[in-house]
Every structure is written in structure tokens, then in C-alpha cells.
Amino acid sequence: ALLYETALQIQQTDFANTEEAEQSLAQLEIVLQLFDKHAHSEDTLVFSAIEQYEPSVADIFEKEHEKDHALGERLKEFSAAFSNAGTEDGKIILGKKINQAFIDFMVFNLEHMAKEEDIINTALWRYYTDAELQGITQKIVAAIPPSLMALYSQWMMRGLSNNEITGWLKQVKNTAPDFVFQ
């Protein structure tokens, strides 16, 4: 949901309009922050769990994260350049570059996450029990600062079906302190 809505927002932004551009660049910053943290969690907690059984699989996905990082850095560079653009024409040109670079970032991440769902999840289910997987998930969640957790939760909820939301909330209620569930 975050990727799709941000793509639409950037596509519709008039980069000559300072207020619109700032809103889109702020949204872009959120995307990059959340995806950087997501990749770091996978690198340190998920891929390491697979590495001991299938090191080549972990290596392939770690290399994909390098490409993802490069795509994110490209977006950061365009965003910084936009902040320094002095003319309306320069801002419009950079806005087009940001739009195309975000499309590249989004397409890469959608394809990457689809492969993770297929390959990584299959490997995890092959080598770990549900309880062990829940332990990995708890480590990932525990490492997310509360400010980012609120953002993750907001966007996850926006992308889930009602049945998925119900299941997720039941799991939170059964595994987290009451104040977290509330």
C-alpha cells in the first residue's frame, strides 16, 4: 500500500509547487526509511537463519538488498538535488527523475518481496517450527523503534484485507502486552 500510494502521489505532484513537492518528498523519505529498516531486519535476522542451511539463497537475497540500497540512494540523491534546484524548470526535471527512480525502486521491491514470499518463506518453513519462526518475528518486532512501528502498522493495515487484519489483531492480543494491543 505504501509503495502504490507513494507512486501515485509522486506521479501527481506538480514539482514546481513547493508545498506539493515537499509533501511528496516527505512521503518518499518515509518509504526509504521503512524499507531500509525492513532490509536490515531481513539481513540480520531472516537471512542469517537461512544461511546455515542454504547459504547460496541467503547470498542471492543479500545481493538483491545491495541493489535495493543503490536504488534508494539514487532517490536520496535526486531528492537532495531537488532541494538545491534554483529554478522551476530544474525542479520539474528533477521531479521527473524522482518519479522514474521511484518507479524503478517500487518495481524492484515488488518483485523482490514476491521472491521472498516464495523462496525465503519456503526455506524457513522447511527448517524451522512455527514456534521458532514466531521467535524470529518477535526479535524483528522488538528491534523496531516505536515511532517506526506506528508507521509500519499504519501502512500494513491499509494493505490488508479485513480477514488478515482480524487475524493480525488476534495475534497481537495473544502475544503482546495489553497496552500494545490497545
Protein backbone atom coordinates (compact mmCIF):
# COMPACT_ATOMS: atom_id res chain seq x y z
CA ALA A 1 0.00 0.00 0.00
CA LEU A 2 2.83 2.39 0.89
CA LEU A 3 4.58 1.82 -2.42
CA TYR A 4 1.43 2.13 -4.51
CA GLU A 5 0.13 5.25 -2.80
CA THR A 6 3.52 6.93 -2.85
CA ALA A 7 3.92 6.17 -6.55
CA LEU A 8 0.56 7.76 -7.26
CA GLN A 9 1.37 10.76 -5.07
CA ILE A 10 4.71 11.36 -6.79
CA GLN A 11 3.16 10.88 -10.23
CA GLN A 12 0.51 13.51 -9.48
CA THR A 13 2.88 16.02 -7.88
CA ASP A 14 3.47 19.36 -9.52
CA PHE A 15 7.14 19.69 -8.59
CA ALA A 16 7.02 23.39 -9.44
CA ASN A 17 4.62 23.75 -6.47
CA THR A 18 6.80 23.84 -3.36
CA GLU A 19 4.11 22.60 -0.97
CA GLU A 20 3.17 19.62 -3.17
CA ALA A 21 6.80 18.74 -3.75
CA GLU A 22 7.64 18.88 -0.04
CA GLN A 23 4.73 16.57 0.80
CA SER A 24 5.83 14.03 -1.79
CA LEU A 25 9.48 14.20 -0.75
CA ALA A 26 8.45 13.72 2.89
CA GLN A 27 6.44 10.65 1.86
CA LEU A 28 9.42 9.40 -0.15
CA GLU A 29 11.62 9.78 2.94
CA ILE A 30 9.19 7.61 4.94
CA VAL A 31 9.30 4.92 2.25
CA LEU A 32 13.09 4.88 2.20
CA GLN A 33 13.32 4.80 5.99
CA LEU A 34 10.87 1.91 6.34
CA PHE A 35 12.38 -0.11 3.51
CA ASP A 36 15.93 0.41 4.84
CA LYS A 37 14.85 -0.89 8.26
CA HIS A 38 12.96 -3.77 6.62
CA ALA A 39 16.04 -4.81 4.64
CA HIS A 40 18.28 -4.51 7.72
CA SER A 41 15.93 -6.78 9.70
CA GLU A 42 16.00 -9.35 6.94
CA ASP A 43 19.77 -9.16 6.55
CA THR A 44 20.43 -9.63 10.25
CA LEU A 45 17.61 -11.92 11.40
CA VAL A 46 16.00 -13.69 8.46
CA PHE A 47 18.81 -14.36 6.02
CA SER A 48 21.12 -15.46 8.82
CA ALA A 49 18.53 -18.09 9.76
CA ILE A 50 18.59 -19.44 6.21
CA GLU A 51 22.32 -19.05 5.67
CA GLN A 52 23.23 -22.06 7.81
CA TYR A 53 21.05 -24.33 5.66
CA GLU A 54 21.11 -22.68 2.23
CA PRO A 55 23.95 -20.15 2.09
CA SER A 56 23.58 -19.52 -1.64
CA VAL A 57 19.94 -18.46 -1.18
CA ALA A 58 20.88 -16.04 1.59
CA ASP A 59 23.71 -14.67 -0.56
CA ILE A 60 21.41 -14.04 -3.54
CA PHE A 61 18.96 -12.10 -1.42
CA GLU A 62 21.70 -10.13 0.32
CA LYS A 63 22.99 -9.11 -3.11
CA GLU A 64 19.49 -8.03 -4.08
CA HIS A 65 19.44 -5.84 -0.97
CA GLU A 66 22.60 -4.17 -2.28
CA LYS A 67 20.72 -3.28 -5.47
CA ASP A 68 17.76 -2.09 -3.40
CA HIS A 69 20.10 0.11 -1.35
CA ALA A 70 21.57 1.58 -4.55
CA LEU A 71 18.07 2.38 -5.86
CA GLY A 72 17.25 4.06 -2.54
CA GLU A 73 20.47 6.07 -2.61
CA ARG A 74 19.63 7.26 -6.13
CA LEU A 75 16.29 8.53 -4.84
CA LYS A 76 18.01 10.28 -1.92
CA GLU A 77 20.42 11.96 -4.34
CA PHE A 78 17.60 13.22 -6.56
CA SER A 79 15.69 14.42 -3.51
CA ALA A 80 18.74 16.32 -2.23
CA ALA A 81 19.35 17.79 -5.68
CA PHE A 82 15.72 18.89 -5.81
CA SER A 83 16.16 20.77 -2.54
CA ASN A 84 19.03 22.69 -4.15
CA ALA A 85 17.36 23.29 -7.51
CA GLY A 86 17.01 27.01 -8.04
CA THR A 87 14.70 27.21 -11.00
CA GLU A 88 11.21 25.97 -11.71
CA ASP A 89 12.48 24.13 -14.81
CA GLY A 90 15.18 22.45 -12.74
CA LYS A 91 12.59 21.32 -10.18
CA ILE A 92 10.33 19.92 -12.89
CA ILE A 93 13.22 18.00 -14.46
CA LEU A 94 14.25 16.59 -11.07
CA GLY A 95 10.62 15.75 -10.32
CA LYS A 96 10.54 13.60 -13.46
CA LYS A 97 13.77 11.90 -12.40
CA ILE A 98 12.36 11.26 -8.93
CA ASN A 99 9.20 9.80 -10.45
CA GLN A 100 11.14 7.42 -12.73
CA ALA A 101 13.60 6.46 -10.00
CA PHE A 102 10.70 5.70 -7.64
CA ILE A 103 9.05 3.50 -10.26
CA ASP A 104 12.34 1.58 -10.58
CA PHE A 105 12.53 1.28 -6.77
CA MET A 106 8.92 0.14 -6.50
CA VAL A 107 9.08 -2.44 -9.28
CA PHE A 108 12.30 -3.87 -7.89
CA ASN A 109 10.85 -4.13 -4.38
CA LEU A 110 7.57 -5.69 -5.51
CA GLU A 111 9.45 -8.34 -7.48
CA HIS A 112 11.95 -8.84 -4.65
CA MET A 113 9.25 -9.25 -2.00
CA ALA A 114 7.34 -11.70 -4.21
CA LYS A 115 10.51 -13.83 -4.46
CA GLU A 116 10.99 -13.60 -0.71
CA GLU A 117 7.42 -14.79 -0.12
CA ASP A 118 8.08 -17.77 -2.35
CA ILE A 119 11.71 -18.74 -1.78
CA ILE A 120 12.55 -17.39 1.69
CA ASN A 121 9.28 -18.46 3.30
CA THR A 122 9.56 -21.94 1.79
CA ALA A 123 13.07 -22.30 3.19
CA LEU A 124 12.07 -21.00 6.61
CA TRP A 125 9.11 -23.39 6.82
CA ARG A 126 11.36 -26.26 5.75
CA TYR A 127 13.92 -25.74 8.53
CA TYR A 128 12.03 -24.09 11.40
CA THR A 129 8.99 -24.83 13.53
CA ASP A 130 6.17 -22.32 13.87
CA ALA A 131 7.40 -21.52 17.39
CA GLU A 132 10.93 -20.83 16.11
CA LEU A 133 9.57 -18.62 13.33
CA GLN A 134 7.47 -16.74 15.83
CA GLY A 135 10.66 -16.19 17.84
CA ILE A 136 12.37 -14.67 14.80
CA THR A 137 9.33 -12.46 14.23
CA GLN A 138 9.39 -11.31 17.85
CA LYS A 139 13.08 -10.37 17.52
CA ILE A 140 12.29 -8.35 14.40
CA VAL A 141 9.39 -6.56 16.08
CA ALA A 142 11.40 -5.89 19.25
CA ALA A 143 14.11 -4.18 17.17
CA ILE A 144 11.67 -1.69 15.60
CA PRO A 145 11.56 1.67 17.38
CA PRO A 146 8.03 2.71 18.44
CA SER A 147 7.99 5.65 16.00
CA LEU A 148 8.65 3.31 13.09
CA MET A 149 6.29 0.65 14.43
CA ALA A 150 3.44 3.13 14.20
CA LEU A 151 4.30 3.81 10.55
CA TYR A 152 4.68 0.11 9.70
CA SER A 153 1.38 -0.70 11.38
CA GLN A 154 -0.44 2.12 9.61
CA TRP A 155 0.70 1.00 6.18
CA MET A 156 0.34 -2.71 6.88
CA MET A 157 -3.27 -2.17 7.98
CA ARG A 158 -4.00 -0.18 4.83
CA GLY A 159 -2.76 -3.07 2.69
CA LEU A 160 -4.53 -5.96 4.45
CA SER A 161 -7.96 -7.46 3.95
CA ASN A 162 -10.44 -7.46 6.84
CA ASN A 163 -9.73 -11.16 7.48
CA GLU A 164 -5.98 -10.51 7.61
CA ILE A 165 -6.50 -7.56 9.98
CA THR A 166 -8.66 -9.67 12.27
CA GLY A 167 -6.05 -12.45 12.38
CA TRP A 168 -3.24 -9.98 12.96
CA LEU A 169 -5.08 -8.24 15.80
CA LYS A 170 -5.85 -11.59 17.44
CA GLN A 171 -2.16 -12.47 17.30
CA VAL A 172 -1.21 -9.10 18.82
CA LYS A 173 -3.79 -9.56 21.57
CA ASN A 174 -2.47 -13.04 22.37
CA THR A 175 1.24 -12.21 22.27
CA ALA A 176 1.74 -8.55 23.20
CA PRO A 177 1.15 -6.56 26.37
CA ASP A 178 -2.37 -5.14 26.61
CA PHE A 179 -1.21 -1.53 26.10
CA VAL A 180 0.31 -2.55 22.74
CA PHE A 181 -2.94 -4.20 21.66
CA GLN A 182 -4.93 -1.12 22.74
